[in-house]
Amino acid sequence: MYLKSISLASVDEMDPREYPFSIPAIRSLTSLIFTSNVAFFVGENGSGKSTLLEAIAYQCGFNTAGGGRSNAYEVEASASALGGHLRLSWLPKITNGFFLRAETFYQFASHIDTMPDSLPYYGGRSLHQQSHGEAFLSLFANRFGGKAIYLLDEPEAALSPARQLALLRIMHDLEGEAQFIVATHSPILLGYPDAQIFDFDSLPVGEIRYEDTLHYVLTRRFLENKDKVLKELFADD
């Protein structure tokens, strides 16, 4: 591990009525301590997991629209409102890595097209010439490697279940030198062995067992009792 912990600084400057401190998980955050090379942020939409991941990317010097330290391009509303309030503790500090932001990946791919010398790092051809899922895997398989920290915001957005398993294998192959922090809704990705899972639906944010995550519980219930679940879902009031 490289990033050991994160905490909030400038607590006195926080206005609980304003974003991002209006988010309960962010407002109640004291610190998170990483004890594994792979950590996941889970929680409902709007729970603050992507907001915190973006703030970590800001502190790492990565483009908060997506990319690494050398990817200079702009996307509207990609600035981190939380980044300046976050304190990171490193041992040792590293500067190599990447921030994947699924919602702005199209703009990132367009940015890479303006840098043809960079294409070998992304599979040798334009990311726009590949399907969304293929482009994601090209990024993971070709751009990732070495001593680095990788911040992934909902990487499953473009990946089939089989491609999610392929991502787990890539993470496993790199885990000896790389650190991963991933915001996700995927029960497949969350199954990575010995990973930490931080639950943003609990206050304050704390660790949770895989089998206790809502993602696992709901998915298992649906797969084991599909007809019953759908009957309850579609029942008239």
C-alpha atoms as a PDB file:
ATOM      1  CA  MET A   1       0.000   0.000   0.000  1.00  0.00           C
ATOM      2  CA  TYR A   2       1.006   3.590  -0.645  1.00  0.00           C
ATOM      3  CA  LEU A   3      -1.985   5.593   0.535  1.00  0.00           C
ATOM      4  CA  LYS A   4      -2.356   4.747   4.212  1.00  0.00           C
ATOM      5  CA  SER A   5      -5.204   6.986   5.304  1.00  0.00           C
ATOM      6  CA  ILE A   6      -7.378   9.955   4.427  1.00  0.00           C
ATOM      7  CA  SER A   7      -8.932  12.514   6.730  1.00  0.00           C
ATOM      8  CA  LEU A   8     -10.733  15.827   6.568  1.00  0.00           C
ATOM      9  CA  ALA A   9      -8.854  19.038   7.265  1.00  0.00           C
ATOM     10  CA  SER A  10     -10.243  22.540   7.814  1.00  0.00           C
ATOM     11  CA  VAL A  11     -13.235  21.174   9.708  1.00  0.00           C
ATOM     12  CA  ASP A  12     -14.136  24.623  11.032  1.00  0.00           C
ATOM     13  CA  GLU A  13     -14.653  25.884   7.477  1.00  0.00           C
ATOM     14  CA  MET A  14     -17.347  23.322   6.658  1.00  0.00           C
ATOM     15  CA  ASP A  15     -20.900  24.550   6.109  1.00  0.00           C
ATOM     16  CA  PRO A  16     -23.254  21.557   6.560  1.00  0.00           C
ATOM     17  CA  ARG A  17     -25.826  23.268   4.356  1.00  0.00           C
ATOM     18  CA  GLU A  18     -23.542  23.385   1.327  1.00  0.00           C
ATOM     19  CA  TYR A  19     -22.286  20.634  -0.992  1.00  0.00           C
ATOM     20  CA  PRO A  20     -20.306  18.456  -0.417  1.00  0.00           C
ATOM     21  CA  PHE A  21     -20.702  18.741   3.366  1.00  0.00           C
ATOM     22  CA  SER A  22     -24.469  18.452   2.993  1.00  0.00           C
ATOM     23  CA  ILE A  23     -23.813  14.759   2.204  1.00  0.00           C
ATOM     24  CA  PRO A  24     -24.162  12.906   5.536  1.00  0.00           C
ATOM     25  CA  ALA A  25     -21.280  10.491   4.883  1.00  0.00           C
ATOM     26  CA  ILE A  26     -18.921  13.354   4.046  1.00  0.00           C
ATOM     27  CA  ARG A  27     -20.074  15.548   6.926  1.00  0.00           C
ATOM     28  CA  SER A  28     -19.514  12.746   9.451  1.00  0.00           C
ATOM     29  CA  LEU A  29     -16.214  11.556   7.974  1.00  0.00           C
ATOM     30  CA  THR A  30     -13.235  11.606  10.305  1.00  0.00           C
ATOM     31  CA  SER A  31     -10.702   9.294   8.691  1.00  0.00           C
ATOM     32  CA  LEU A  32     -10.420   6.097   6.663  1.00  0.00           C
ATOM     33  CA  ILE A  33      -7.450   3.794   7.174  1.00  0.00           C
ATOM     34  CA  PHE A  34      -6.411   1.462   4.371  1.00  0.00           C
ATOM     35  CA  THR A  35      -5.037  -1.928   5.372  1.00  0.00           C
ATOM     36  CA  SER A  36      -5.379  -3.687   2.015  1.00  0.00           C
ATOM     37  CA  ASN A  37      -4.106  -2.927  -1.495  1.00  0.00           C
ATOM     38  CA  VAL A  38      -7.706  -3.170  -2.722  1.00  0.00           C
ATOM     39  CA  ALA A  39     -10.509  -1.127  -1.174  1.00  0.00           C
ATOM     40  CA  PHE A  40     -14.083  -0.522  -2.283  1.00  0.00           C
ATOM     41  CA  PHE A  41     -16.509   2.325  -1.585  1.00  0.00           C
ATOM     42  CA  VAL A  42     -20.156   1.199  -1.617  1.00  0.00           C
ATOM     43  CA  GLY A  43     -23.432   2.975  -1.001  1.00  0.00           C
ATOM     44  CA  GLU A  44     -26.568   4.241  -2.648  1.00  0.00           C
ATOM     45  CA  ASN A  45     -26.517   6.846  -5.395  1.00  0.00           C
ATOM     46  CA  GLY A  46     -25.700  10.195  -3.833  1.00  0.00           C
ATOM     47  CA  SER A  47     -24.092   8.677  -0.744  1.00  0.00           C
ATOM     48  CA  GLY A  48     -20.770  10.453  -1.358  1.00  0.00           C
ATOM     49  CA  LYS A  49     -18.497   7.628  -2.501  1.00  0.00           C
ATOM     50  CA  SER A  50     -17.712   9.165  -5.904  1.00  0.00           C
ATOM     51  CA  THR A  51     -17.316  12.599  -4.304  1.00  0.00           C
ATOM     52  CA  LEU A  52     -14.648  11.260  -1.961  1.00  0.00           C
ATOM     53  CA  LEU A  53     -12.902   9.287  -4.708  1.00  0.00           C
ATOM     54  CA  GLU A  54     -12.766  12.434  -6.865  1.00  0.00           C
ATOM     55  CA  ALA A  55     -11.269  14.365  -3.927  1.00  0.00           C
ATOM     56  CA  ILE A  56      -8.548  11.716  -3.559  1.00  0.00           C
ATOM     57  CA  ALA A  57      -7.812  12.077  -7.276  1.00  0.00           C
ATOM     58  CA  TYR A  58      -7.527  15.847  -6.807  1.00  0.00           C
ATOM     59  CA  GLN A  59      -5.012  15.406  -3.996  1.00  0.00           C
ATOM     60  CA  CYS A  60      -3.044  12.911  -6.123  1.00  0.00           C
ATOM     61  CA  GLY A  61      -2.728  15.523  -8.857  1.00  0.00           C
ATOM     62  CA  PHE A  62      -4.809  13.502 -11.333  1.00  0.00           C
ATOM     63  CA  ASN A  63      -7.231  15.179 -13.701  1.00  0.00           C
ATOM     64  CA  THR A  64     -10.569  15.068 -11.862  1.00  0.00           C
ATOM     65  CA  ALA A  65     -12.291  14.679 -15.239  1.00  0.00           C
ATOM     66  CA  GLY A  66     -10.416  11.374 -15.572  1.00  0.00           C
ATOM     67  CA  GLY A  67      -6.825  10.484 -16.354  1.00  0.00           C
ATOM     68  CA  GLY A  68      -3.398  10.814 -14.801  1.00  0.00           C
ATOM     69  CA  ARG A  69      -1.150  13.740 -13.939  1.00  0.00           C
ATOM     70  CA  SER A  70      -0.271  14.403 -17.584  1.00  0.00           C
ATOM     71  CA  ASN A  71      -3.805  14.414 -18.990  1.00  0.00           C
ATOM     72  CA  ALA A  72      -4.704  18.088 -19.253  1.00  0.00           C
ATOM     73  CA  TYR A  73      -8.195  18.651 -20.617  1.00  0.00           C
ATOM     74  CA  GLU A  74     -11.359  20.140 -19.195  1.00  0.00           C
ATOM     75  CA  VAL A  75     -14.860  18.834 -18.632  1.00  0.00           C
ATOM     76  CA  GLU A  76     -17.632  21.025 -17.270  1.00  0.00           C
ATOM     77  CA  ALA A  77     -18.362  20.501 -13.546  1.00  0.00           C
ATOM     78  CA  SER A  78     -15.408  18.151 -13.018  1.00  0.00           C
ATOM     79  CA  ALA A  79     -13.749  20.287 -10.320  1.00  0.00           C
ATOM     80  CA  SER A  80     -13.575  18.714  -6.870  1.00  0.00           C
ATOM     81  CA  ALA A  81     -15.363  20.722  -4.191  1.00  0.00           C
ATOM     82  CA  LEU A  82     -13.963  18.433  -1.496  1.00  0.00           C
ATOM     83  CA  GLY A  83     -10.379  18.067  -2.696  1.00  0.00           C
ATOM     84  CA  GLY A  84      -8.956  21.053  -0.885  1.00  0.00           C
ATOM     85  CA  HIS A  85     -10.344  19.836   2.451  1.00  0.00           C
ATOM     86  CA  LEU A  86      -8.799  16.364   2.283  1.00  0.00           C
ATOM     87  CA  ARG A  87      -5.541  15.247   3.876  1.00  0.00           C
ATOM     88  CA  LEU A  88      -3.731  12.149   2.559  1.00  0.00           C
ATOM     89  CA  SER A  89      -1.142  10.136   4.463  1.00  0.00           C
ATOM     90  CA  TRP A  90       1.381   8.230   2.294  1.00  0.00           C
ATOM     91  CA  LEU A  91       4.157   5.705   2.928  1.00  0.00           C
ATOM     92  CA  PRO A  92       5.811   6.141   0.511  1.00  0.00           C
ATOM     93  CA  LYS A  93       4.166   8.858  -1.545  1.00  0.00           C
ATOM     94  CA  ILE A  94       3.831   8.030  -5.233  1.00  0.00           C
ATOM     95  CA  THR A  95       2.780  10.152  -8.177  1.00  0.00           C
ATOM     96  CA  ASN A  96       1.993   7.460 -10.749  1.00  0.00           C
ATOM     97  CA  GLY A  97      -1.554   6.330 -11.247  1.00  0.00           C
ATOM     98  CA  PHE A  98      -4.889   7.007 -12.901  1.00  0.00           C
ATOM     99  CA  PHE A  99      -8.407   8.171 -12.098  1.00  0.00           C
ATOM    100  CA  LEU A 100     -11.166   6.466 -14.109  1.00  0.00           C
ATOM    101  CA  ARG A 101     -14.377   8.460 -14.150  1.00  0.00           C
ATOM    102  CA  ALA A 102     -16.926   6.420 -16.084  1.00  0.00           C
ATOM    103  CA  GLU A 103     -19.277   9.325 -16.797  1.00  0.00           C
ATOM    104  CA  THR A 104     -16.584  11.363 -18.587  1.00  0.00           C
ATOM    105  CA  PHE A 105     -14.736   8.523 -20.292  1.00  0.00           C
ATOM    106  CA  TYR A 106     -15.944   9.661 -23.736  1.00  0.00           C
ATOM    107  CA  GLN A 107     -14.212  13.016 -23.255  1.00  0.00           C
ATOM    108  CA  PHE A 108     -11.073  11.252 -22.029  1.00  0.00           C
ATOM    109  CA  ALA A 109     -11.041   9.069 -25.155  1.00  0.00           C
ATOM    110  CA  SER A 110     -11.350  12.186 -27.319  1.00  0.00           C
ATOM    111  CA  HIS A 111      -8.443  13.727 -25.418  1.00  0.00           C
ATOM    112  CA  ILE A 112      -6.267  10.663 -26.104  1.00  0.00           C
ATOM    113  CA  ASP A 113      -7.063  10.954 -29.831  1.00  0.00           C
ATOM    114  CA  THR A 114      -5.238  14.300 -29.794  1.00  0.00           C
ATOM    115  CA  MET A 115      -2.107  12.499 -28.519  1.00  0.00           C
ATOM    116  CA  PRO A 116      -1.389   9.759 -31.106  1.00  0.00           C
ATOM    117  CA  ASP A 117       1.939   8.890 -29.480  1.00  0.00           C
ATOM    118  CA  SER A 118      -0.044   7.763 -26.426  1.00  0.00           C
ATOM    119  CA  LEU A 119      -2.151   5.173 -28.258  1.00  0.00           C
ATOM    120  CA  PRO A 120       0.208   2.232 -27.494  1.00  0.00           C
ATOM    121  CA  TYR A 121      -0.699   2.747 -23.845  1.00  0.00           C
ATOM    122  CA  TYR A 122      -4.348   2.169 -24.703  1.00  0.00           C
ATOM    123  CA  GLY A 123      -4.183  -0.887 -26.955  1.00  0.00           C
ATOM    124  CA  GLY A 124      -2.710   0.722 -30.084  1.00  0.00           C
ATOM    125  CA  ARG A 125      -5.913   2.192 -31.519  1.00  0.00           C
ATOM    126  CA  SER A 126      -8.415   4.885 -30.692  1.00  0.00           C
ATOM    127  CA  LEU A 127     -10.621   4.122 -27.732  1.00  0.00           C
ATOM    128  CA  HIS A 128     -13.487   5.454 -29.846  1.00  0.00           C
ATOM    129  CA  GLN A 129     -12.882   2.621 -32.335  1.00  0.00           C
ATOM    130  CA  GLN A 130     -13.671   0.058 -29.656  1.00  0.00           C
ATOM    131  CA  SER A 131     -16.884  -0.731 -27.836  1.00  0.00           C
ATOM    132  CA  HIS A 132     -17.321   0.946 -24.481  1.00  0.00           C
ATOM    133  CA  GLY A 133     -16.401  -2.233 -22.619  1.00  0.00           C
ATOM    134  CA  GLU A 134     -13.468  -3.008 -24.910  1.00  0.00           C
ATOM    135  CA  ALA A 135     -12.122   0.515 -24.406  1.00  0.00           C
ATOM    136  CA  PHE A 136     -12.293   0.145 -20.634  1.00  0.00           C
ATOM    137  CA  LEU A 137     -10.403  -3.159 -20.758  1.00  0.00           C
ATOM    138  CA  SER A 138      -7.827  -1.706 -23.165  1.00  0.00           C
ATOM    139  CA  LEU A 139      -7.204   1.002 -20.597  1.00  0.00           C
ATOM    140  CA  PHE A 140      -6.890  -1.475 -17.733  1.00  0.00           C
ATOM    141  CA  ALA A 141      -4.724  -3.982 -19.611  1.00  0.00           C
ATOM    142  CA  ASN A 142      -2.368  -1.508 -21.318  1.00  0.00           C
ATOM    143  CA  ARG A 143      -2.251   1.689 -19.265  1.00  0.00           C
ATOM    144  CA  PHE A 144      -2.124   0.110 -15.812  1.00  0.00           C
ATOM    145  CA  GLY A 145       1.101  -1.305 -14.379  1.00  0.00           C
ATOM    146  CA  GLY A 146       3.969  -0.764 -11.972  1.00  0.00           C
ATOM    147  CA  LYS A 147       3.988   1.053  -8.673  1.00  0.00           C
ATOM    148  CA  ALA A 148       0.879   3.176  -8.849  1.00  0.00           C
ATOM    149  CA  ILE A 149      -2.472   4.010  -7.320  1.00  0.00           C
ATOM    150  CA  TYR A 150      -5.616   3.483  -9.379  1.00  0.00           C
ATOM    151  CA  LEU A 151      -8.888   5.194  -8.516  1.00  0.00           C
ATOM    152  CA  LEU A 152     -11.859   3.698 -10.358  1.00  0.00           C
ATOM    153  CA  ASP A 153     -15.307   5.270 -10.236  1.00  0.00           C
ATOM    154  CA  GLU A 154     -17.945   2.681 -11.213  1.00  0.00           C
ATOM    155  CA  PRO A 155     -15.798   0.775 -13.733  1.00  0.00           C
ATOM    156  CA  GLU A 156     -18.603  -1.778 -14.134  1.00  0.00           C
ATOM    157  CA  ALA A 157     -20.651   0.840 -16.005  1.00  0.00           C
ATOM    158  CA  ALA A 158     -19.302  -0.447 -19.342  1.00  0.00           C
ATOM    159  CA  LEU A 159     -18.424  -4.024 -18.406  1.00  0.00           C
ATOM    160  CA  SER A 160     -20.407  -7.221 -18.851  1.00  0.00           C
ATOM    161  CA  PRO A 161     -20.205  -9.742 -15.986  1.00  0.00           C
ATOM    162  CA  ALA A 162     -17.487 -11.623 -17.909  1.00  0.00           C
ATOM    163  CA  ARG A 163     -15.497  -8.403 -18.419  1.00  0.00           C
ATOM    164  CA  GLN A 164     -15.878  -7.587 -14.731  1.00  0.00           C
ATOM    165  CA  LEU A 165     -14.193 -10.895 -13.971  1.00  0.00           C
ATOM    166  CA  ALA A 166     -11.453  -9.946 -16.444  1.00  0.00           C
ATOM    167  CA  LEU A 167     -10.936  -6.716 -14.504  1.00  0.00           C
ATOM    168  CA  LEU A 168     -10.620  -8.693 -11.277  1.00  0.00           C
ATOM    169  CA  ARG A 169      -7.857 -10.756 -12.892  1.00  0.00           C
ATOM    170  CA  ILE A 170      -6.021  -7.597 -13.983  1.00  0.00           C
ATOM    171  CA  MET A 171      -6.289  -6.218 -10.463  1.00  0.00           C
ATOM    172  CA  HIS A 172      -4.978  -9.491  -9.050  1.00  0.00           C
ATOM    173  CA  ASP A 173      -2.000  -9.496 -11.427  1.00  0.00           C
ATOM    174  CA  LEU A 174      -1.093  -5.925 -10.424  1.00  0.00           C
ATOM    175  CA  GLU A 175      -1.858  -6.087  -6.721  1.00  0.00           C
ATOM    176  CA  GLY A 176       1.747  -6.814  -5.761  1.00  0.00           C
ATOM    177  CA  GLU A 177       2.788  -3.315  -6.840  1.00  0.00           C
ATOM    178  CA  ALA A 178      -0.425  -1.333  -7.279  1.00  0.00           C
ATOM    179  CA  GLN A 179      -3.128  -0.027  -4.981  1.00  0.00           C
ATOM    180  CA  PHE A 180      -6.769   0.135  -6.048  1.00  0.00           C
ATOM    181  CA  ILE A 181      -9.597   2.194  -4.567  1.00  0.00           C
ATOM    182  CA  VAL A 182     -12.877   1.533  -6.364  1.00  0.00           C
ATOM    183  CA  ALA A 183     -16.362   3.037  -6.036  1.00  0.00           C
ATOM    184  CA  THR A 184     -18.794   0.420  -7.276  1.00  0.00           C
ATOM    185  CA  HIS A 185     -22.291  -1.078  -7.246  1.00  0.00           C
ATOM    186  CA  SER A 186     -21.087  -4.428  -8.596  1.00  0.00           C
ATOM    187  CA  PRO A 187     -21.417  -7.498  -6.337  1.00  0.00           C
ATOM    188  CA  ILE A 188     -18.930  -9.230  -8.659  1.00  0.00           C
ATOM    189  CA  LEU A 189     -16.189  -6.661  -8.134  1.00  0.00           C
ATOM    190  CA  LEU A 190     -16.928  -6.481  -4.422  1.00  0.00           C
ATOM    191  CA  GLY A 191     -16.098 -10.177  -4.189  1.00  0.00           C
ATOM    192  CA  TYR A 192     -12.376  -9.524  -4.626  1.00  0.00           C
ATOM    193  CA  PRO A 193     -10.621 -11.601  -1.931  1.00  0.00           C
ATOM    194  CA  ASP A 194      -9.486  -9.860   1.262  1.00  0.00           C
ATOM    195  CA  ALA A 195     -10.516  -6.418   0.024  1.00  0.00           C
ATOM    196  CA  GLN A 196     -11.699  -3.703   2.372  1.00  0.00           C
ATOM    197  CA  ILE A 197     -15.253  -2.482   1.808  1.00  0.00           C
ATOM    198  CA  PHE A 198     -16.288   0.907   3.181  1.00  0.00           C
ATOM    199  CA  ASP A 199     -20.042   1.447   3.500  1.00  0.00           C
ATOM    200  CA  PHE A 200     -21.179   5.018   2.777  1.00  0.00           C
ATOM    201  CA  ASP A 201     -24.729   4.214   3.859  1.00  0.00           C
ATOM    202  CA  SER A 202     -23.584   3.874   7.467  1.00  0.00           C
ATOM    203  CA  LEU A 203     -22.655   6.885   9.589  1.00  0.00           C
ATOM    204  CA  PRO A 204     -19.850   7.369  10.096  1.00  0.00           C
ATOM    205  CA  VAL A 205     -18.442   5.512   7.100  1.00  0.00           C
ATOM    206  CA  GLY A 206     -17.055   2.184   8.264  1.00  0.00           C
ATOM    207  CA  GLU A 207     -16.005  -1.224   7.027  1.00  0.00           C
ATOM    208  CA  ILE A 208     -18.570  -3.879   6.172  1.00  0.00           C
ATOM    209  CA  ARG A 209     -18.381  -7.567   5.304  1.00  0.00           C
ATOM    210  CA  TYR A 210     -19.037  -8.517   1.694  1.00  0.00           C
ATOM    211  CA  GLU A 211     -21.962 -10.735   2.683  1.00  0.00           C
ATOM    212  CA  ASP A 212     -23.542  -7.843   4.624  1.00  0.00           C
ATOM    213  CA  THR A 213     -23.513  -5.357   1.752  1.00  0.00           C
ATOM    214  CA  LEU A 214     -26.900  -4.493   0.308  1.00  0.00           C
ATOM    215  CA  HIS A 215     -25.468  -5.274  -3.134  1.00  0.00           C
ATOM    216  CA  TYR A 216     -24.794  -8.881  -2.154  1.00  0.00           C
ATOM    217  CA  VAL A 217     -28.008  -9.338  -0.152  1.00  0.00           C
ATOM    218  CA  LEU A 218     -30.322  -8.016  -2.887  1.00  0.00           C
ATOM    219  CA  THR A 219     -28.522  -9.811  -5.719  1.00  0.00           C
ATOM    220  CA  ARG A 220     -28.550 -13.133  -3.886  1.00  0.00           C
ATOM    221  CA  ARG A 221     -32.225 -12.760  -2.973  1.00  0.00           C
ATOM    222  CA  PHE A 222     -33.140 -11.963  -6.560  1.00  0.00           C
ATOM    223  CA  LEU A 223     -31.169 -14.862  -8.050  1.00  0.00           C
ATOM    224  CA  GLU A 224     -32.494 -17.380  -5.534  1.00  0.00           C
ATOM    225  CA  ASN A 225     -36.119 -16.131  -5.493  1.00  0.00           C
ATOM    226  CA  LYS A 226     -36.613 -14.285  -8.781  1.00  0.00           C
ATOM    227  CA  ASP A 227     -40.336 -15.019  -9.144  1.00  0.00           C
ATOM    228  CA  LYS A 228     -41.110 -14.082  -5.549  1.00  0.00           C
ATOM    229  CA  VAL A 229     -39.129 -10.849  -5.728  1.00  0.00           C
ATOM    230  CA  LEU A 230     -40.770  -9.782  -8.993  1.00  0.00           C
ATOM    231  CA  LYS A 231     -44.220 -10.686  -7.667  1.00  0.00           C
ATOM    232  CA  GLU A 232     -43.639  -8.463  -4.634  1.00  0.00           C
ATOM    233  CA  LEU A 233     -42.201  -5.695  -6.807  1.00  0.00           C
ATOM    234  CA  PHE A 234     -45.111  -5.638  -9.250  1.00  0.00           C
ATOM    235  CA  ALA A 235     -47.867  -6.216  -6.684  1.00  0.00           C
ATOM    236  CA  ASP A 236     -50.676  -3.679  -6.588  1.00  0.00           C
ATOM    237  CA  ASP A 237     -50.902  -1.548  -3.472  1.00  0.00           C
END
